[in-house]
Amino acid sequence: MRKRILLLAASAAIVSPVLASAQGGRYLNPSDVAEAQREHAALVQELGGAETGARAAYVESVGRRVASQTGVVNPGQAFRFTTVNSAVENAFAVPGGYIYVTRQLLGLLDDESQLAFALGHEAAHVAADHSRARQAYAQRNSVLGVLGQVLGAVLGNGGFGGMVSQSAQQAAAMRTLSFSRDQEYQADTLALRYLIGSGYDPAGGPGILAALTRATALQGQVQGRSSRQTPEWASTHPLSTNRMQRAMAEAQASGRLGSGVRNRDGYLAQIDGIYVDDDPEQGVIEGPTFTHPDLRIQFTVPQGYLMQNGTYAVTVSGSAGRAQFSGGRYTGSLEDYTMRVYQQLTRGQMNINVPPPQRVTINGMPAAITATRVNTRSGGLDVSVVAYQWDAQRVYHFVMLTRAGYGVGPFTSMVNSVRRITPAEASAIRPRVIDVVTVARGDTIQSLANRMAYRDFRLERFLSLNGLQPTSALAPGQKVKLVVYGSRRG
């Protein structure tokens, strides 16, 4: 799941007043709590599922320790902390006190005080009632969101395999919400206060923000983006460098910087072996190629296009258009399938003229392709669908959105690249995991970086992951993180 870094974005779908108690504490609004409970299962499913076991229990214990400083009545019951199987570096909260942190973010962090800051930041959004200012939500970074805006609707409950349910889409949209810069700054300030109150070193705040700054810069480098280019999240978030500098100044002003719990060794022991990047059970992205070893599917996007891997679909974006790959169980004809995709996109609320699909064969598979024109205020758009008859009971498809007159053109190579992989190819796909290693005599930054499980930017990835410089000195006995190939879950 390669998705953009959200820099600890908090989300809210509804207004969430925090009710004061007679004793001066604050209760969460019961309707918000009920809403969070109802949406929790769909949200967790859309994010790839919840982690269980010792690591999840550890994260929850850190969260409860920090939440005890929020002033919310009975914080042990009011807040719920969930670790989710997502490759997005993110933590977020919903108004009912449910806080989520992704495994990808855990792999980025370096000690327990940084985790405490991440969880405290999200708890602060809930405790400070920031959701009141964010009553409306919008879908972003998904072709579904683009189509929803263009066609005036989003995908509904289709009842046929693989299509995203409305509740799951709402859950996906929720996590892209963001608060204002002032609210993010306030949440940082409160999180530092929570850290100090619960005995942590306030260095965890600037530490995690520095890690996110490095990760964002690395992501831009890997994607060929200028280091001076403003990332998309900057429109709604303070730049991470500014937040880091501000957090460091506040930590220094507290007089507690350098004191308190950091627990680096304990934290590294908890994340040793954790998945990073894509989970093979959801498919993996290697450069321009997406491969799902269990479904035995592979396709390659055009040069310069980026992919985002989700639980239900893979989204492709580039200069000439956007696309999404999904599908699943279906036993009707390809022609019926493509028409149902269009119906799903418009929820039957728009009468658009869709030409009969053209039958073709792609890499030995029966396929059907069609496109239609949609007129919008900003001009015409072509909405194309290509459906593949994978077997008697499964159909997969691309939905593509391009400028009028372009049709499938920009995605022709991608459409023609869909193929079945061999069992040997499928078995060769392994997850990447964090490997905490102890520096031995003779180890260098370059020799350790050469062990990183990537084809490119090995040195840059190693330095970013560990907060090191090319000239940093390594000492025998020092612990560092590597990303290596591991084994799939049994």
Protein backbone atom coordinates (compact mmCIF):
# COMPACT_ATOMS: atom_id res chain seq x y z
CA MET A 1 0.00 0.00 0.00
CA ARG A 2 2.10 2.88 -1.14
CA LYS A 3 0.17 5.94 -0.17
CA ARG A 4 1.22 9.41 0.70
CA ILE A 5 2.33 10.26 4.22
CA LEU A 6 -0.42 12.06 6.09
CA LEU A 7 1.72 13.33 8.95
CA LEU A 8 -0.49 12.19 11.82
CA ALA A 9 -3.69 13.46 10.24
CA ALA A 10 -6.73 13.32 12.47
CA SER A 11 -10.17 12.77 11.00
CA ALA A 12 -13.76 13.48 11.85
CA ALA A 13 -16.99 12.76 10.05
CA ILE A 14 -19.38 14.42 12.48
CA VAL A 15 -19.54 17.24 15.00
CA SER A 16 -18.24 15.96 18.31
CA PRO A 17 -18.86 18.10 21.38
CA VAL A 18 -17.04 16.97 24.52
CA LEU A 19 -19.36 17.16 27.50
CA ALA A 20 -18.15 18.53 30.81
CA SER A 21 -18.84 16.58 34.00
CA ALA A 22 -19.73 18.06 37.33
CA GLN A 23 -16.24 17.15 38.60
CA GLY A 24 -14.54 19.14 35.84
CA GLY A 25 -13.57 16.17 33.67
CA ARG A 26 -14.91 15.71 30.17
CA TYR A 27 -17.08 12.99 28.73
CA LEU A 28 -17.08 12.07 25.07
CA ASN A 29 -20.39 12.61 23.34
CA PRO A 30 -22.37 9.33 23.54
CA SER A 31 -23.61 9.67 19.95
CA ASP A 32 -20.02 10.02 18.74
CA VAL A 33 -19.00 6.95 20.70
CA ALA A 34 -21.88 4.96 19.22
CA GLU A 35 -20.98 6.15 15.72
CA ALA A 36 -17.34 5.17 16.20
CA GLN A 37 -18.39 1.74 17.40
CA ARG A 38 -20.62 1.23 14.37
CA GLU A 39 -17.93 2.29 11.89
CA HIS A 40 -15.01 0.55 13.58
CA ALA A 41 -15.32 -2.86 11.90
CA ALA A 42 -15.72 -1.42 8.38
CA LEU A 43 -12.87 1.00 8.91
CA VAL A 44 -10.51 -1.70 10.19
CA GLN A 45 -11.44 -3.99 7.31
CA GLU A 46 -10.80 -1.25 4.74
CA LEU A 47 -7.41 -0.57 6.32
CA GLY A 48 -6.31 -4.18 6.00
CA GLY A 49 -7.39 -5.62 9.35
CA ALA A 50 -6.32 -5.18 12.96
CA GLU A 51 -3.14 -6.57 14.44
CA THR A 52 -3.48 -8.74 17.51
CA GLY A 53 -1.03 -10.19 19.96
CA ALA A 54 1.81 -8.75 21.99
CA ARG A 55 2.60 -5.82 19.69
CA ALA A 56 -1.00 -4.63 19.59
CA ALA A 57 -1.25 -4.95 23.38
CA TYR A 58 1.96 -2.95 23.75
CA VAL A 59 0.64 -0.12 21.57
CA GLU A 60 -2.59 -0.07 23.54
CA SER A 61 -0.70 0.11 26.84
CA VAL A 62 1.31 3.12 25.63
CA GLY A 63 -1.87 4.77 24.39
CA ARG A 64 -3.68 4.29 27.69
CA ARG A 65 -0.71 5.69 29.60
CA VAL A 66 -0.75 8.88 27.53
CA ALA A 67 -4.56 9.14 27.41
CA SER A 68 -4.60 9.23 31.20
CA GLN A 69 -3.32 12.82 30.92
CA THR A 70 -6.09 14.13 28.62
CA GLY A 71 -8.62 15.11 31.27
CA VAL A 72 -11.25 12.87 29.68
CA VAL A 73 -13.30 11.00 32.28
CA ASN A 74 -12.35 7.33 32.61
CA PRO A 75 -9.78 7.41 29.78
CA GLY A 76 -9.14 3.69 30.04
CA GLN A 77 -12.65 3.13 28.72
CA ALA A 78 -13.10 6.30 26.67
CA PHE A 79 -10.15 5.66 24.33
CA ARG A 80 -9.56 2.60 22.20
CA PHE A 81 -6.27 2.02 20.36
CA THR A 82 -6.00 -0.21 17.29
CA THR A 83 -2.94 -1.16 15.23
CA VAL A 84 -3.94 -1.72 11.61
CA ASN A 85 -2.27 -3.61 8.77
CA SER A 86 -1.72 -0.61 6.52
CA ALA A 87 1.37 0.48 4.58
CA VAL A 88 0.51 4.16 5.03
CA GLU A 89 2.64 6.01 7.57
CA ASN A 90 -0.25 7.42 9.57
CA ALA A 91 -2.10 7.73 12.84
CA PHE A 92 -5.58 9.17 13.12
CA ALA A 93 -8.60 9.42 15.41
CA VAL A 94 -12.37 9.58 15.14
CA PRO A 95 -14.50 11.65 17.53
CA GLY A 96 -15.73 8.74 19.61
CA GLY A 97 -12.26 8.14 21.05
CA TYR A 98 -11.12 5.44 18.63
CA ILE A 99 -7.46 5.92 17.69
CA TYR A 100 -5.67 4.04 14.94
CA VAL A 101 -1.98 3.65 14.16
CA THR A 102 -0.58 1.80 11.16
CA ARG A 103 2.16 -0.80 11.23
CA GLN A 104 4.03 1.27 8.65
CA LEU A 105 4.26 4.18 11.06
CA LEU A 106 5.44 1.86 13.83
CA GLY A 107 8.31 0.72 11.61
CA LEU A 108 9.34 4.33 11.03
CA LEU A 109 9.55 5.26 14.71
CA ASP A 110 12.64 4.78 16.83
CA ASP A 111 11.50 4.60 20.45
CA GLU A 112 8.51 4.46 22.77
CA SER A 113 8.43 8.20 23.41
CA GLN A 114 7.83 8.78 19.70
CA LEU A 115 4.94 6.31 19.72
CA ALA A 116 3.56 8.03 22.81
CA PHE A 117 3.64 11.37 20.98
CA ALA A 118 1.83 9.94 17.94
CA LEU A 119 -0.94 8.49 20.11
CA GLY A 120 -1.03 11.55 22.33
CA HIS A 121 -1.41 13.83 19.30
CA GLU A 122 -4.49 11.92 18.21
CA ALA A 123 -5.92 11.77 21.73
CA ALA A 124 -5.45 15.55 21.89
CA HIS A 125 -7.64 16.07 18.82
CA VAL A 126 -10.42 14.16 20.58
CA ALA A 127 -9.91 15.81 23.97
CA ALA A 128 -9.70 19.31 22.48
CA ASP A 129 -12.89 18.83 20.45
CA HIS A 130 -11.25 19.70 17.16
CA SER A 131 -13.87 17.80 15.22
CA ARG A 132 -16.33 20.67 15.65
CA ALA A 133 -14.45 22.56 12.96
CA ARG A 134 -14.45 19.66 10.49
CA GLN A 135 -18.04 18.69 9.82
CA ALA A 136 -17.73 17.81 6.15
CA TYR A 137 -15.47 15.25 4.60
CA ALA A 138 -14.26 14.66 1.06
CA GLN A 139 -12.69 11.78 -0.80
CA ARG A 140 -9.15 12.31 -2.01
CA ASN A 141 -6.31 10.35 -3.56
CA SER A 142 -8.70 7.85 -5.12
CA VAL A 143 -10.17 7.59 -8.57
CA LEU A 144 -13.44 6.86 -6.80
CA GLY A 145 -13.32 10.32 -5.29
CA VAL A 146 -12.61 11.88 -8.68
CA LEU A 147 -15.43 9.98 -10.34
CA GLY A 148 -17.71 10.84 -7.44
CA GLN A 149 -17.07 14.53 -8.01
CA VAL A 150 -17.34 14.26 -11.78
CA LEU A 151 -20.40 12.03 -11.91
CA GLY A 152 -22.09 13.35 -8.80
CA ALA A 153 -21.98 10.06 -6.91
CA VAL A 154 -19.74 7.42 -5.44
CA LEU A 155 -19.75 3.66 -5.67
CA GLY A 156 -22.69 2.12 -3.86
CA ASN A 157 -23.25 -1.37 -2.50
CA GLY A 158 -23.03 -3.42 -5.66
CA GLY A 159 -23.54 -6.88 -4.31
CA PHE A 160 -20.97 -8.34 -6.68
CA GLY A 161 -17.46 -9.34 -5.84
CA GLY A 162 -14.77 -6.89 -5.01
CA MET A 163 -16.76 -3.67 -5.37
CA VAL A 164 -16.18 -1.26 -2.52
CA SER A 165 -19.09 -0.86 -0.16
CA GLN A 166 -20.34 2.60 0.71
CA SER A 167 -19.43 2.20 4.36
CA ALA A 168 -15.88 1.18 3.45
CA GLN A 169 -15.54 4.21 1.20
CA GLN A 170 -16.76 6.47 3.96
CA ALA A 171 -14.18 4.87 6.24
CA ALA A 172 -11.49 5.46 3.63
CA ALA A 173 -12.55 9.08 3.24
CA MET A 174 -12.56 9.60 7.00
CA ARG A 175 -8.89 8.90 7.35
CA THR A 176 -7.93 11.55 4.77
CA LEU A 177 -9.50 14.32 6.79
CA SER A 178 -7.33 16.91 8.33
CA PHE A 179 -7.65 19.69 10.82
CA SER A 180 -6.34 23.22 10.45
CA ARG A 181 -2.71 24.10 10.98
CA ASP A 182 -3.55 25.78 14.27
CA GLN A 183 -5.33 22.64 15.47
CA GLU A 184 -2.38 20.48 14.46
CA TYR A 185 -0.04 22.77 16.36
CA GLN A 186 -2.35 22.69 19.38
CA ALA A 187 -2.48 18.89 19.27
CA ASP A 188 1.33 18.82 19.17
CA THR A 189 1.48 21.08 22.22
CA LEU A 190 -1.02 18.97 24.14
CA ALA A 191 0.78 15.77 23.15
CA LEU A 192 4.04 17.13 24.58
CA ARG A 193 2.18 17.98 27.79
CA TYR A 194 0.79 14.44 27.89
CA LEU A 195 4.26 12.99 27.35
CA ILE A 196 5.72 14.91 30.26
CA GLY A 197 2.75 14.12 32.49
CA SER A 198 3.05 10.39 31.82
CA GLY A 199 6.80 10.32 32.36
CA TYR A 200 8.08 10.29 28.78
CA ASP A 201 10.93 12.32 27.37
CA PRO A 202 9.37 15.18 25.35
CA ALA A 203 12.08 14.51 22.73
CA GLY A 204 9.60 12.00 21.31
CA GLY A 205 7.70 14.89 19.67
CA PRO A 206 10.46 16.42 17.56
CA GLY A 207 11.85 12.91 17.05
CA ILE A 208 8.79 11.57 15.26
CA LEU A 209 8.30 14.78 13.28
CA ALA A 210 11.92 14.58 12.13
CA ALA A 211 11.34 10.97 11.04
CA LEU A 212 8.27 12.00 9.06
CA THR A 213 10.20 14.86 7.47
CA ARG A 214 12.89 12.42 6.34
CA ALA A 215 10.33 9.93 5.07
CA THR A 216 8.54 12.60 3.05
CA ALA A 217 11.80 13.78 1.48
CA LEU A 218 12.75 10.20 0.65
CA GLN A 219 9.36 9.53 -0.90
CA GLY A 220 9.78 12.58 -3.12
CA GLN A 221 13.25 11.43 -4.13
CA VAL A 222 12.09 7.92 -4.99
CA GLN A 223 9.19 9.31 -7.02
CA GLY A 224 11.41 11.80 -8.81
CA ARG A 225 9.72 14.79 -7.24
CA SER A 226 11.66 18.01 -6.71
CA SER A 227 12.74 18.56 -3.13
CA ARG A 228 11.32 22.07 -3.46
CA GLN A 229 7.92 20.86 -4.62
CA THR A 230 5.21 21.36 -2.02
CA PRO A 231 3.62 17.99 -1.21
CA GLU A 232 -0.15 17.64 -1.42
CA TRP A 233 -0.67 17.39 2.32
CA ALA A 234 0.94 20.80 2.81
CA SER A 235 -2.34 22.49 1.84
CA THR A 236 -3.91 21.31 5.07
CA HIS A 237 -0.97 20.46 7.34
CA PRO A 238 1.87 22.53 8.72
CA LEU A 239 5.09 21.57 6.98
CA SER A 240 6.70 18.84 9.04
CA THR A 241 9.95 20.82 9.32
CA ASN A 242 8.04 23.71 10.88
CA ARG A 243 6.25 21.39 13.27
CA MET A 244 9.52 19.70 14.20
CA GLN A 245 11.22 23.02 14.97
CA ARG A 246 8.22 24.21 16.97
CA ALA A 247 8.01 20.94 18.92
CA MET A 248 11.73 21.08 19.69
CA ALA A 249 11.41 24.65 20.99
CA GLU A 250 8.52 23.64 23.23
CA ALA A 251 10.35 20.56 24.46
CA GLN A 252 13.39 22.67 25.35
CA ALA A 253 11.21 25.26 27.08
CA SER A 254 9.70 22.55 29.27
CA GLY A 255 13.05 21.97 30.96
CA ARG A 256 12.44 18.23 30.67
CA LEU A 257 14.18 17.53 27.37
CA GLY A 258 16.46 14.54 27.79
CA SER A 259 14.73 13.26 30.89
CA GLY A 260 11.98 10.71 31.11
CA VAL A 261 11.29 7.41 29.39
CA ARG A 262 12.39 6.73 25.83
CA ASN A 263 12.73 2.92 25.99
CA ARG A 264 14.41 2.50 22.62
CA ASP A 265 15.53 -1.08 23.18
CA GLY A 266 12.09 -2.16 24.34
CA TYR A 267 10.43 -0.45 21.39
CA LEU A 268 12.80 -1.94 18.83
CA ALA A 269 12.17 -5.39 20.31
CA GLN A 270 8.44 -4.87 19.74
CA ILE A 271 8.76 -3.90 16.07
CA ASP A 272 11.43 -6.45 15.16
CA GLY A 273 9.87 -8.53 12.38
CA ILE A 274 6.97 -6.16 11.66
CA TYR A 275 5.83 -5.94 8.04
CA VAL A 276 6.76 -2.79 6.13
CA ASP A 277 5.40 -1.70 2.76
CA ASP A 278 2.86 -4.00 1.15
CA ASP A 279 1.41 -7.14 2.69
CA PRO A 280 1.59 -9.91 0.06
CA GLU A 281 -1.93 -10.96 1.03
CA GLN A 282 -3.06 -7.64 -0.46
CA GLY A 283 -0.59 -7.64 -3.35
CA VAL A 284 2.75 -5.88 -3.65
CA ILE A 285 4.06 -2.96 -5.69
CA GLU A 286 7.59 -3.15 -7.08
CA GLY A 287 8.35 -0.05 -9.14
CA PRO A 288 5.76 0.09 -11.94
CA THR A 289 4.48 -3.46 -11.38
CA PHE A 290 1.67 -4.71 -9.15
CA THR A 291 1.59 -8.42 -8.32
CA HIS A 292 -0.87 -10.35 -6.18
CA PRO A 293 0.67 -13.73 -5.38
CA ASP A 294 -2.52 -15.30 -4.03
CA LEU A 295 -4.76 -14.15 -6.88
CA ARG A 296 -1.87 -14.76 -9.33
CA ILE A 297 -2.42 -11.38 -11.02
CA GLN A 298 0.17 -8.98 -12.37
CA PHE A 299 0.08 -5.74 -14.35
CA THR A 300 2.46 -2.85 -15.08
CA VAL A 301 1.57 0.84 -15.16
CA PRO A 302 2.99 3.31 -17.71
CA GLN A 303 6.28 5.03 -16.97
CA GLY A 304 5.86 7.95 -14.59
CA TYR A 305 2.58 6.71 -13.12
CA LEU A 306 2.17 5.93 -9.43
CA MET A 307 0.15 3.22 -7.68
CA GLN A 308 -1.62 3.13 -4.34
CA ASN A 309 -2.53 -0.31 -3.05
CA GLY A 310 -5.67 -0.62 -0.97
CA THR A 311 -7.58 -3.49 0.58
CA TYR A 312 -10.19 -3.45 -2.17
CA ALA A 313 -8.47 -1.90 -5.16
CA VAL A 314 -5.28 -0.51 -6.67
CA THR A 315 -5.39 3.13 -7.74
CA VAL A 316 -3.17 4.43 -10.54
CA SER A 317 -2.49 8.10 -11.16
CA GLY A 318 -0.44 10.05 -13.65
CA SER A 319 -0.33 13.16 -15.79
CA ALA A 320 -2.82 11.92 -18.37
CA GLY A 321 -5.41 10.25 -16.16
CA ARG A 322 -6.34 8.02 -13.28
CA ALA A 323 -7.42 4.39 -13.08
CA GLN A 324 -8.50 1.79 -10.58
CA PHE A 325 -8.18 -1.98 -10.67
CA SER A 326 -10.61 -4.17 -8.72
CA GLY A 327 -13.15 -6.95 -9.16
CA GLY A 328 -13.88 -10.40 -7.82
CA ARG A 329 -16.58 -13.04 -7.96
CA TYR A 330 -19.08 -12.72 -10.82
CA THR A 331 -20.81 -15.32 -12.97
CA GLY A 332 -22.60 -13.19 -15.58
CA SER A 333 -21.36 -12.05 -18.98
CA LEU A 334 -18.58 -9.53 -19.45
CA GLU A 335 -21.04 -7.20 -21.16
CA ASP A 336 -23.33 -7.23 -18.12
CA TYR A 337 -20.37 -6.77 -15.84
CA THR A 338 -19.10 -3.63 -17.61
CA MET A 339 -22.59 -2.12 -17.59
CA ARG A 340 -22.92 -2.81 -13.89
CA VAL A 341 -19.62 -1.07 -13.26
CA TYR A 342 -21.01 2.07 -14.90
CA GLN A 343 -24.22 1.73 -12.91
CA GLN A 344 -22.18 1.44 -9.75
CA LEU A 345 -20.17 4.54 -10.60
CA THR A 346 -23.28 6.64 -11.07
CA ARG A 347 -25.50 4.71 -8.63
CA GLY A 348 -28.07 4.77 -11.39
CA GLN A 349 -28.62 8.49 -10.94
CA MET A 350 -27.24 9.58 -14.30
CA ASN A 351 -28.44 8.47 -17.69
CA ILE A 352 -25.23 8.11 -19.65
CA ASN A 353 -24.91 6.50 -23.06
CA VAL A 354 -22.50 3.56 -22.88
CA PRO A 355 -21.65 1.87 -26.20
CA PRO A 356 -21.78 -1.93 -26.30
CA PRO A 357 -18.46 -3.38 -25.10
CA GLN A 358 -16.01 -4.64 -27.70
CA ARG A 359 -14.77 -8.19 -27.18
CA VAL A 360 -11.00 -8.72 -27.30
CA THR A 361 -8.47 -11.26 -26.07
CA ILE A 362 -5.66 -10.09 -23.78
CA ASN A 363 -2.88 -12.50 -22.87
CA GLY A 364 -5.19 -15.43 -23.56
CA MET A 365 -8.06 -14.01 -21.48
CA PRO A 366 -11.47 -12.97 -22.85
CA ALA A 367 -11.93 -9.27 -22.20
CA ALA A 368 -14.43 -6.52 -22.94
CA ILE A 369 -13.70 -2.82 -23.37
CA THR A 370 -15.90 0.25 -23.70
CA ALA A 371 -15.74 3.99 -23.07
CA THR A 372 -18.18 6.86 -22.77
CA ARG A 373 -17.99 10.64 -22.62
CA VAL A 374 -19.12 12.59 -19.57
CA ASN A 375 -19.52 16.35 -19.79
CA THR A 376 -18.61 18.41 -16.76
CA ARG A 377 -18.37 22.11 -15.98
CA SER A 378 -14.67 21.99 -16.68
CA GLY A 379 -14.99 20.06 -19.93
CA GLY A 380 -15.42 16.52 -21.19
CA LEU A 381 -13.98 13.39 -19.65
CA ASP A 382 -13.72 9.86 -20.99
CA VAL A 383 -14.69 7.09 -18.58
CA SER A 384 -13.47 3.69 -19.82
CA VAL A 385 -13.91 0.16 -18.48
CA VAL A 386 -11.92 -2.94 -19.38
CA ALA A 387 -13.13 -6.22 -17.84
CA TYR A 388 -11.18 -9.50 -17.84
CA GLN A 389 -12.76 -12.95 -17.56
CA TRP A 390 -10.25 -14.41 -15.12
CA ASP A 391 -12.12 -17.70 -14.76
CA ALA A 392 -15.70 -18.94 -14.71
CA GLN A 393 -16.45 -17.23 -11.42
CA ARG A 394 -14.13 -14.21 -11.34
CA VAL A 395 -13.92 -10.98 -13.31
CA TYR A 396 -11.45 -8.15 -12.77
CA HIS A 397 -11.56 -4.71 -14.31
CA PHE A 398 -9.97 -1.31 -14.76
CA VAL A 399 -11.96 1.91 -14.57
CA MET A 400 -10.04 4.70 -16.32
CA LEU A 401 -10.63 8.43 -16.29
CA THR A 402 -8.93 10.57 -18.96
CA ARG A 403 -9.46 13.85 -20.77
CA ALA A 404 -12.03 13.87 -23.57
CA GLY A 405 -10.72 12.24 -26.69
CA TYR A 406 -8.02 10.24 -24.93
CA GLY A 407 -10.08 7.18 -24.03
CA VAL A 408 -7.98 4.21 -22.97
CA GLY A 409 -4.99 5.58 -24.89
CA PRO A 410 -2.72 6.62 -21.99
CA PHE A 411 -3.35 3.27 -20.30
CA THR A 412 -3.05 0.97 -23.33
CA SER A 413 0.18 -0.65 -22.16
CA MET A 414 -1.27 -1.22 -18.68
CA VAL A 415 -4.48 -2.74 -20.04
CA ASN A 416 -2.46 -5.11 -22.22
CA SER A 417 -0.05 -6.08 -19.43
CA VAL A 418 -2.56 -7.93 -17.21
CA ARG A 419 -1.47 -11.54 -16.97
CA ARG A 420 -1.46 -14.65 -14.82
CA ILE A 421 1.76 -15.31 -12.95
CA THR A 422 3.20 -18.78 -12.47
CA PRO A 423 3.24 -20.63 -9.14
CA ALA A 424 7.00 -20.13 -9.02
CA GLU A 425 6.60 -16.38 -9.48
CA ALA A 426 3.95 -16.29 -6.77
CA SER A 427 6.04 -18.23 -4.26
CA ALA A 428 9.00 -15.92 -4.83
CA ILE A 429 7.10 -12.93 -3.46
CA ARG A 430 7.95 -12.31 0.17
CA PRO A 431 7.13 -9.49 2.56
CA ARG A 432 9.59 -6.89 3.70
CA VAL A 433 10.10 -6.78 7.46
CA ILE A 434 12.03 -4.73 9.99
CA ASP A 435 15.17 -6.50 11.18
CA VAL A 436 16.77 -4.91 14.24
CA VAL A 437 20.48 -5.68 14.09
CA THR A 438 23.40 -4.93 16.38
CA VAL A 439 26.29 -3.19 14.68
CA ALA A 440 29.34 -5.45 14.62
CA ARG A 441 32.97 -4.47 14.37
CA GLY A 442 33.75 -3.66 10.76
CA ASP A 443 30.16 -2.77 9.83
CA THR A 444 29.76 0.48 7.93
CA ILE A 445 26.77 2.52 6.87
CA GLN A 446 27.28 1.36 3.30
CA SER A 447 27.69 -2.33 4.18
CA LEU A 448 24.50 -2.27 6.24
CA ALA A 449 22.63 -0.30 3.57
CA ASN A 450 23.60 -2.95 1.01
CA ARG A 451 21.47 -5.43 2.99
CA MET A 452 18.28 -3.40 2.49
CA ALA A 453 15.64 -5.32 0.50
CA TYR A 454 15.21 -2.75 -2.25
CA ARG A 455 16.43 -2.40 -5.79
CA ASP A 456 17.15 1.30 -5.51
CA PHE A 457 18.00 4.04 -3.01
CA ARG A 458 19.32 1.51 -0.48
CA LEU A 459 21.65 3.95 1.21
CA GLU A 460 19.07 6.72 1.30
CA ARG A 461 16.44 4.39 2.74
CA PHE A 462 18.79 3.12 5.44
CA LEU A 463 19.83 6.63 6.46
CA SER A 464 16.22 7.86 6.56
CA LEU A 465 14.98 4.88 8.55
CA ASN A 466 17.66 5.34 11.21
CA GLY A 467 17.99 9.10 11.26
CA LEU A 468 21.64 8.95 10.19
CA GLN A 469 23.88 11.00 7.94
CA PRO A 470 26.34 9.54 5.40
CA THR A 471 29.14 10.69 7.68
CA SER A 472 27.61 9.31 10.89
CA ALA A 473 29.86 7.06 12.95
CA LEU A 474 28.57 3.64 13.92
CA ALA A 475 29.70 2.00 17.15
CA PRO A 476 29.82 -1.75 17.79
CA GLY A 477 26.82 -2.69 19.90
CA GLN A 478 24.63 0.05 18.47
CA LYS A 479 21.21 -1.10 17.24
CA VAL A 480 19.91 -0.10 13.83
CA LYS A 481 16.92 -1.04 11.70
CA LEU A 482 17.16 -2.80 8.37
CA VAL A 483 14.40 -3.72 5.97
CA VAL A 484 14.94 -7.29 4.75
CA TYR A 485 12.87 -9.98 3.10
CA GLY A 486 10.97 -12.11 5.60
CA SER A 487 8.50 -14.97 5.59
CA ARG A 488 4.80 -14.75 5.01
CA ARG A 489 2.45 -15.29 7.93
CA GLY A 490 1.43 -18.88 8.42
